[in-house]
Every structure is written in structure tokens, then in C-alpha cells.
Amino acid sequence: MTFESAFLTLMPHTVSLASWVGFSTEGYGRPTYGTASTYRARVSSPGAKDLLRFSTGQTMASKLVAWVATTRATELRDQVTFESSTFRIVGIERPADQDGVHHLKLYLGR
């Protein structure tokens, strides 16, 4: 997908997304990830409206919110790297326009 240049000017950061592959087989069952891909993004601290609400009624605040210039398939088990720190994805939104999904909004936690 191509993004409008005006949209990309709002994305001064870079993040890497690595897809979850499975669990390691060395006996510890750690998650393993594929090769990471790099995308333009805007990363910021979450605002009050970025509080995650679950169907159980629980709420959770994320550490960071990232708007990422991609429409790739992304799961909660995938991993995000931003400024040499690794984060897990705790929430995903896929904002759409008239052409379909436009970008990803990822809620990141530790």
C-alpha cells in the first residue's frame, strides 16, 4: 500500500515488527520471532482516550501508542522494537478509509 506524503510527515519514528513464529525447543519454551521488518511510525505516550477496555470490564493502560505505516497482518503475539527497546503488543486497531485498512494503531506494553 502507498501512503500519502502528508500522512507520512506525521510519522517521524521508525519501528520494527517481528512476527511470532512459535516457542523455542531448547526446553524453556521462550517465544521465537521471524525476521523483523522496519516501518515508519509515530510513537507517543498514551492519552486518557487510549485506555484499553476489555469485554470483561477490565481496563489497561499501555506504555506507548504507535501508529504504523503498514497494513500487514499483525497479532498480539508479535514483537515491536522502538529505540532499542522491545515491547509486546497489548492492543491492535486497524483504522480504515474508503479503500480499506489504512494503517495500524498498536498499543505497546512491557
N, C-alpha and C. Protein backbone atom coordinates (compact mmCIF):
# COMPACT_ATOMS: atom_id res chain seq x y z
N MET A 1 0.85 -1.18 0.00
CA MET A 1 0.00 0.00 0.00
C MET A 1 0.89 1.24 0.00
N THR A 2 0.48 2.24 -0.73
CA THR A 2 1.21 3.50 -0.72
C THR A 2 0.49 4.49 0.19
N PHE A 3 1.27 5.29 0.87
CA PHE A 3 0.71 6.26 1.80
C PHE A 3 0.93 7.66 1.26
N GLU A 4 -0.02 8.54 1.56
CA GLU A 4 0.10 9.93 1.15
C GLU A 4 1.30 10.56 1.85
N SER A 5 2.00 11.43 1.13
CA SER A 5 3.19 12.06 1.73
C SER A 5 2.82 12.89 2.95
N ALA A 6 1.64 13.53 2.96
CA ALA A 6 1.22 14.31 4.12
C ALA A 6 1.03 13.41 5.35
N PHE A 7 0.55 12.21 5.11
CA PHE A 7 0.37 11.26 6.21
C PHE A 7 1.73 10.82 6.76
N LEU A 8 2.66 10.56 5.87
CA LEU A 8 3.99 10.10 6.30
C LEU A 8 4.77 11.18 7.04
N THR A 9 4.50 12.46 6.78
CA THR A 9 5.19 13.51 7.52
C THR A 9 4.81 13.50 9.00
N LEU A 10 3.70 12.87 9.33
CA LEU A 10 3.28 12.74 10.73
C LEU A 10 3.98 11.59 11.44
N MET A 11 4.83 10.87 10.72
CA MET A 11 5.47 9.67 11.25
C MET A 11 6.99 9.84 11.27
N PRO A 12 7.52 10.49 12.30
CA PRO A 12 8.96 10.77 12.35
C PRO A 12 9.81 9.62 12.90
N HIS A 13 9.18 8.58 13.41
CA HIS A 13 9.92 7.49 14.05
C HIS A 13 10.00 6.26 13.15
N THR A 14 10.78 5.30 13.60
CA THR A 14 10.89 4.00 12.94
C THR A 14 10.67 2.91 13.97
N VAL A 15 9.87 1.91 13.63
CA VAL A 15 9.69 0.74 14.49
C VAL A 15 9.95 -0.51 13.66
N SER A 16 10.32 -1.57 14.35
CA SER A 16 10.48 -2.87 13.71
C SER A 16 9.43 -3.81 14.24
N LEU A 17 8.79 -4.56 13.34
CA LEU A 17 7.80 -5.56 13.73
C LEU A 17 8.32 -6.94 13.35
N ALA A 18 8.30 -7.85 14.31
CA ALA A 18 8.72 -9.22 14.07
C ALA A 18 7.54 -10.14 14.38
N SER A 19 7.20 -10.99 13.44
CA SER A 19 6.08 -11.91 13.62
C SER A 19 6.46 -13.06 14.54
N TRP A 20 5.51 -13.43 15.40
CA TRP A 20 5.69 -14.58 16.28
C TRP A 20 5.71 -15.83 15.44
N VAL A 21 6.68 -16.71 15.68
CA VAL A 21 6.82 -17.95 14.92
C VAL A 21 6.36 -19.14 15.74
N GLY A 22 6.70 -19.16 17.02
CA GLY A 22 6.35 -20.28 17.88
C GLY A 22 7.16 -20.21 19.15
N PHE A 23 7.29 -21.36 19.79
CA PHE A 23 8.06 -21.43 21.02
C PHE A 23 9.36 -22.19 20.75
N SER A 24 10.41 -21.80 21.47
CA SER A 24 11.70 -22.46 21.29
C SER A 24 11.61 -23.90 21.77
N THR A 25 12.55 -24.69 21.29
CA THR A 25 12.55 -26.11 21.65
C THR A 25 13.72 -26.47 22.54
N GLU A 26 14.39 -25.46 23.13
CA GLU A 26 15.55 -25.75 23.96
C GLU A 26 15.17 -26.11 25.39
N GLY A 27 13.87 -26.21 25.65
CA GLY A 27 13.44 -26.63 26.98
C GLY A 27 12.82 -25.53 27.82
N TYR A 28 12.93 -24.28 27.38
CA TYR A 28 12.40 -23.17 28.17
C TYR A 28 11.10 -22.61 27.60
N GLY A 29 10.77 -22.97 26.38
CA GLY A 29 9.53 -22.53 25.77
C GLY A 29 9.42 -21.04 25.54
N ARG A 30 10.55 -20.39 25.29
CA ARG A 30 10.53 -18.95 25.01
C ARG A 30 9.93 -18.70 23.63
N PRO A 31 9.27 -17.55 23.45
CA PRO A 31 8.74 -17.25 22.12
C PRO A 31 9.87 -16.99 21.13
N THR A 32 9.66 -17.37 19.89
CA THR A 32 10.62 -17.08 18.84
C THR A 32 9.92 -16.24 17.77
N TYR A 33 10.70 -15.40 17.11
CA TYR A 33 10.15 -14.46 16.14
C TYR A 33 10.89 -14.56 14.83
N GLY A 34 10.21 -14.22 13.75
CA GLY A 34 10.82 -14.19 12.43
C GLY A 34 11.65 -12.93 12.26
N THR A 35 12.13 -12.74 11.06
CA THR A 35 12.92 -11.55 10.73
C THR A 35 12.05 -10.30 10.83
N ALA A 36 12.56 -9.30 11.47
CA ALA A 36 11.80 -8.06 11.66
C ALA A 36 11.81 -7.21 10.39
N SER A 37 10.69 -6.52 10.17
CA SER A 37 10.58 -5.54 9.09
C SER A 37 10.45 -4.16 9.71
N THR A 38 11.00 -3.15 9.06
CA THR A 38 11.02 -1.79 9.60
C THR A 38 9.98 -0.92 8.90
N TYR A 39 9.28 -0.10 9.69
CA TYR A 39 8.22 0.77 9.17
C TYR A 39 8.32 2.16 9.78
N ARG A 40 7.81 3.14 9.05
CA ARG A 40 7.68 4.49 9.62
C ARG A 40 6.53 4.48 10.59
N ALA A 41 6.65 5.30 11.64
CA ALA A 41 5.63 5.31 12.69
C ALA A 41 5.64 6.63 13.44
N ARG A 42 4.60 6.80 14.21
CA ARG A 42 4.54 7.88 15.20
C ARG A 42 4.32 7.19 16.53
N VAL A 43 5.21 7.40 17.46
CA VAL A 43 5.14 6.74 18.76
C VAL A 43 5.01 7.81 19.83
N SER A 44 4.05 7.63 20.72
CA SER A 44 3.86 8.62 21.79
C SER A 44 3.33 7.94 23.04
N SER A 45 3.32 8.70 24.11
CA SER A 45 2.71 8.22 25.35
C SER A 45 1.21 8.20 25.16
N PRO A 46 0.53 7.25 25.76
CA PRO A 46 -0.92 7.17 25.57
C PRO A 46 -1.65 8.29 26.29
N GLY A 47 -2.74 8.72 25.73
CA GLY A 47 -3.62 9.69 26.38
C GLY A 47 -4.72 8.96 27.12
N ALA A 48 -5.57 9.69 27.79
CA ALA A 48 -6.67 9.08 28.54
C ALA A 48 -7.59 8.28 27.63
N LYS A 49 -7.75 8.72 26.38
CA LYS A 49 -8.63 8.00 25.46
C LYS A 49 -8.00 6.72 24.93
N ASP A 50 -6.73 6.50 25.21
CA ASP A 50 -6.04 5.30 24.75
C ASP A 50 -6.06 4.18 25.79
N LEU A 51 -6.93 4.28 26.77
CA LEU A 51 -7.09 3.23 27.76
C LEU A 51 -7.82 2.06 27.11
N LEU A 52 -7.26 0.87 27.23
CA LEU A 52 -7.87 -0.31 26.64
C LEU A 52 -8.98 -0.83 27.54
N ARG A 53 -10.13 -1.12 26.95
CA ARG A 53 -11.25 -1.68 27.69
C ARG A 53 -11.58 -3.05 27.11
N PHE A 54 -11.63 -4.04 27.97
CA PHE A 54 -11.90 -5.40 27.54
C PHE A 54 -13.36 -5.75 27.79
N SER A 55 -13.84 -6.79 27.11
CA SER A 55 -15.24 -7.20 27.26
C SER A 55 -15.55 -7.64 28.68
N THR A 56 -14.53 -7.97 29.46
CA THR A 56 -14.73 -8.38 30.85
C THR A 56 -14.96 -7.19 31.77
N GLY A 57 -14.78 -5.97 31.22
CA GLY A 57 -14.93 -4.77 32.03
C GLY A 57 -13.61 -4.24 32.56
N GLN A 58 -12.56 -5.01 32.43
CA GLN A 58 -11.24 -4.57 32.90
C GLN A 58 -10.68 -3.50 31.97
N THR A 59 -9.85 -2.63 32.52
CA THR A 59 -9.15 -1.63 31.72
C THR A 59 -7.66 -1.78 31.92
N MET A 60 -6.91 -1.31 30.93
CA MET A 60 -5.46 -1.42 31.00
C MET A 60 -4.84 -0.26 30.24
N ALA A 61 -3.84 0.36 30.81
CA ALA A 61 -3.13 1.44 30.14
C ALA A 61 -1.89 0.86 29.45
N SER A 62 -1.64 1.29 28.23
CA SER A 62 -0.43 0.85 27.55
C SER A 62 0.72 1.80 27.88
N LYS A 63 1.94 1.35 27.63
CA LYS A 63 3.12 2.20 27.86
C LYS A 63 3.29 3.22 26.74
N LEU A 64 3.07 2.76 25.50
CA LEU A 64 3.21 3.61 24.33
C LEU A 64 2.10 3.28 23.33
N VAL A 65 1.82 4.22 22.46
CA VAL A 65 0.91 4.01 21.34
C VAL A 65 1.70 4.29 20.07
N ALA A 66 1.61 3.38 19.09
CA ALA A 66 2.34 3.54 17.83
C ALA A 66 1.37 3.47 16.66
N TRP A 67 1.38 4.52 15.84
CA TRP A 67 0.66 4.50 14.58
C TRP A 67 1.68 4.09 13.54
N VAL A 68 1.46 2.98 12.86
CA VAL A 68 2.48 2.39 11.99
C VAL A 68 1.99 2.38 10.54
N ALA A 69 2.84 2.82 9.63
CA ALA A 69 2.51 2.91 8.20
C ALA A 69 2.62 1.54 7.54
N THR A 70 1.70 0.65 7.87
CA THR A 70 1.61 -0.65 7.24
C THR A 70 0.20 -1.20 7.46
N THR A 71 -0.18 -2.11 6.59
CA THR A 71 -1.45 -2.81 6.76
C THR A 71 -1.21 -4.32 6.91
N ARG A 72 0.02 -4.69 7.19
CA ARG A 72 0.38 -6.10 7.30
C ARG A 72 -0.42 -6.80 8.39
N ALA A 73 -0.56 -8.10 8.27
CA ALA A 73 -1.23 -8.89 9.29
C ALA A 73 -0.37 -8.86 10.55
N THR A 74 -0.96 -8.47 11.66
CA THR A 74 -0.24 -8.34 12.92
C THR A 74 -1.07 -8.95 14.02
N GLU A 75 -0.42 -9.68 14.92
CA GLU A 75 -1.09 -10.34 16.04
C GLU A 75 -0.57 -9.82 17.37
N LEU A 76 -1.31 -10.08 18.42
CA LEU A 76 -0.87 -9.68 19.77
C LEU A 76 0.44 -10.36 20.17
N ARG A 77 0.74 -11.51 19.57
CA ARG A 77 1.96 -12.23 19.93
C ARG A 77 3.21 -11.69 19.23
N ASP A 78 3.03 -10.80 18.25
CA ASP A 78 4.17 -10.22 17.54
C ASP A 78 4.95 -9.29 18.47
N GLN A 79 6.12 -8.89 18.03
CA GLN A 79 7.01 -8.09 18.86
C GLN A 79 7.38 -6.79 18.14
N VAL A 80 7.44 -5.69 18.91
CA VAL A 80 7.78 -4.38 18.36
C VAL A 80 9.07 -3.89 19.01
N THR A 81 9.97 -3.36 18.21
CA THR A 81 11.19 -2.74 18.73
C THR A 81 11.16 -1.27 18.36
N PHE A 82 11.38 -0.42 19.37
CA PHE A 82 11.41 1.03 19.18
C PHE A 82 12.54 1.58 20.03
N GLU A 83 13.42 2.33 19.41
CA GLU A 83 14.58 2.92 20.09
C GLU A 83 15.32 1.91 20.96
N SER A 84 15.63 0.77 20.39
CA SER A 84 16.40 -0.31 21.02
C SER A 84 15.69 -0.99 22.18
N SER A 85 14.42 -0.71 22.39
CA SER A 85 13.65 -1.39 23.44
C SER A 85 12.58 -2.25 22.78
N THR A 86 12.35 -3.41 23.36
CA THR A 86 11.38 -4.35 22.83
C THR A 86 10.08 -4.25 23.63
N PHE A 87 8.96 -4.27 22.92
CA PHE A 87 7.65 -4.17 23.53
C PHE A 87 6.77 -5.29 23.02
N ARG A 88 5.80 -5.67 23.84
CA ARG A 88 4.78 -6.60 23.37
C ARG A 88 3.56 -5.78 22.98
N ILE A 89 2.77 -6.32 22.10
CA ILE A 89 1.56 -5.65 21.64
C ILE A 89 0.42 -6.06 22.57
N VAL A 90 -0.24 -5.08 23.17
CA VAL A 90 -1.35 -5.38 24.08
C VAL A 90 -2.70 -5.01 23.47
N GLY A 91 -2.68 -4.33 22.34
CA GLY A 91 -3.91 -3.98 21.64
C GLY A 91 -3.61 -3.56 20.22
N ILE A 92 -4.55 -3.84 19.32
CA ILE A 92 -4.38 -3.51 17.90
C ILE A 92 -5.67 -2.88 17.39
N GLU A 93 -5.53 -1.77 16.68
CA GLU A 93 -6.63 -1.19 15.93
C GLU A 93 -6.19 -1.09 14.48
N ARG A 94 -7.14 -1.25 13.57
CA ARG A 94 -6.86 -1.16 12.14
C ARG A 94 -7.77 -0.09 11.52
N PRO A 95 -7.40 1.20 11.67
CA PRO A 95 -8.24 2.26 11.12
C PRO A 95 -8.39 2.11 9.61
N ALA A 96 -9.60 2.36 9.12
CA ALA A 96 -9.89 2.19 7.70
C ALA A 96 -10.37 3.50 7.08
N ASP A 97 -10.19 3.58 5.77
CA ASP A 97 -10.76 4.67 4.99
C ASP A 97 -11.61 4.03 3.89
N GLN A 98 -11.95 4.77 2.86
CA GLN A 98 -12.80 4.25 1.80
C GLN A 98 -12.16 3.10 1.02
N ASP A 99 -10.85 2.95 1.13
CA ASP A 99 -10.14 1.89 0.41
C ASP A 99 -9.85 0.66 1.27
N GLY A 100 -10.24 0.69 2.53
CA GLY A 100 -9.99 -0.43 3.44
C GLY A 100 -9.06 -0.02 4.56
N VAL A 101 -8.38 -1.00 5.14
CA VAL A 101 -7.47 -0.72 6.26
C VAL A 101 -6.38 0.24 5.79
N HIS A 102 -6.13 1.29 6.57
CA HIS A 102 -5.19 2.34 6.16
C HIS A 102 -3.83 2.22 6.84
N HIS A 103 -3.82 1.90 8.14
CA HIS A 103 -2.57 1.77 8.90
C HIS A 103 -2.89 0.99 10.17
N LEU A 104 -1.89 0.77 11.01
CA LEU A 104 -2.09 0.08 12.28
C LEU A 104 -1.91 1.05 13.43
N LYS A 105 -2.71 0.88 14.46
CA LYS A 105 -2.52 1.59 15.72
C LYS A 105 -2.25 0.50 16.76
N LEU A 106 -1.03 0.50 17.29
CA LEU A 106 -0.61 -0.54 18.21
C LEU A 106 -0.46 0.04 19.61
N TYR A 107 -1.00 -0.66 20.57
CA TYR A 107 -0.83 -0.31 21.99
C TYR A 107 0.26 -1.21 22.52
N LEU A 108 1.32 -0.62 23.07
CA LEU A 108 2.51 -1.37 23.46
C LEU A 108 2.69 -1.42 24.97
N GLY A 109 3.09 -2.57 25.45
CA GLY A 109 3.37 -2.76 26.87
C GLY A 109 4.70 -3.48 27.03
N ARG A 110 5.09 -3.69 28.27
CA ARG A 110 6.37 -4.39 28.55
C ARG A 110 6.12 -5.80 28.78
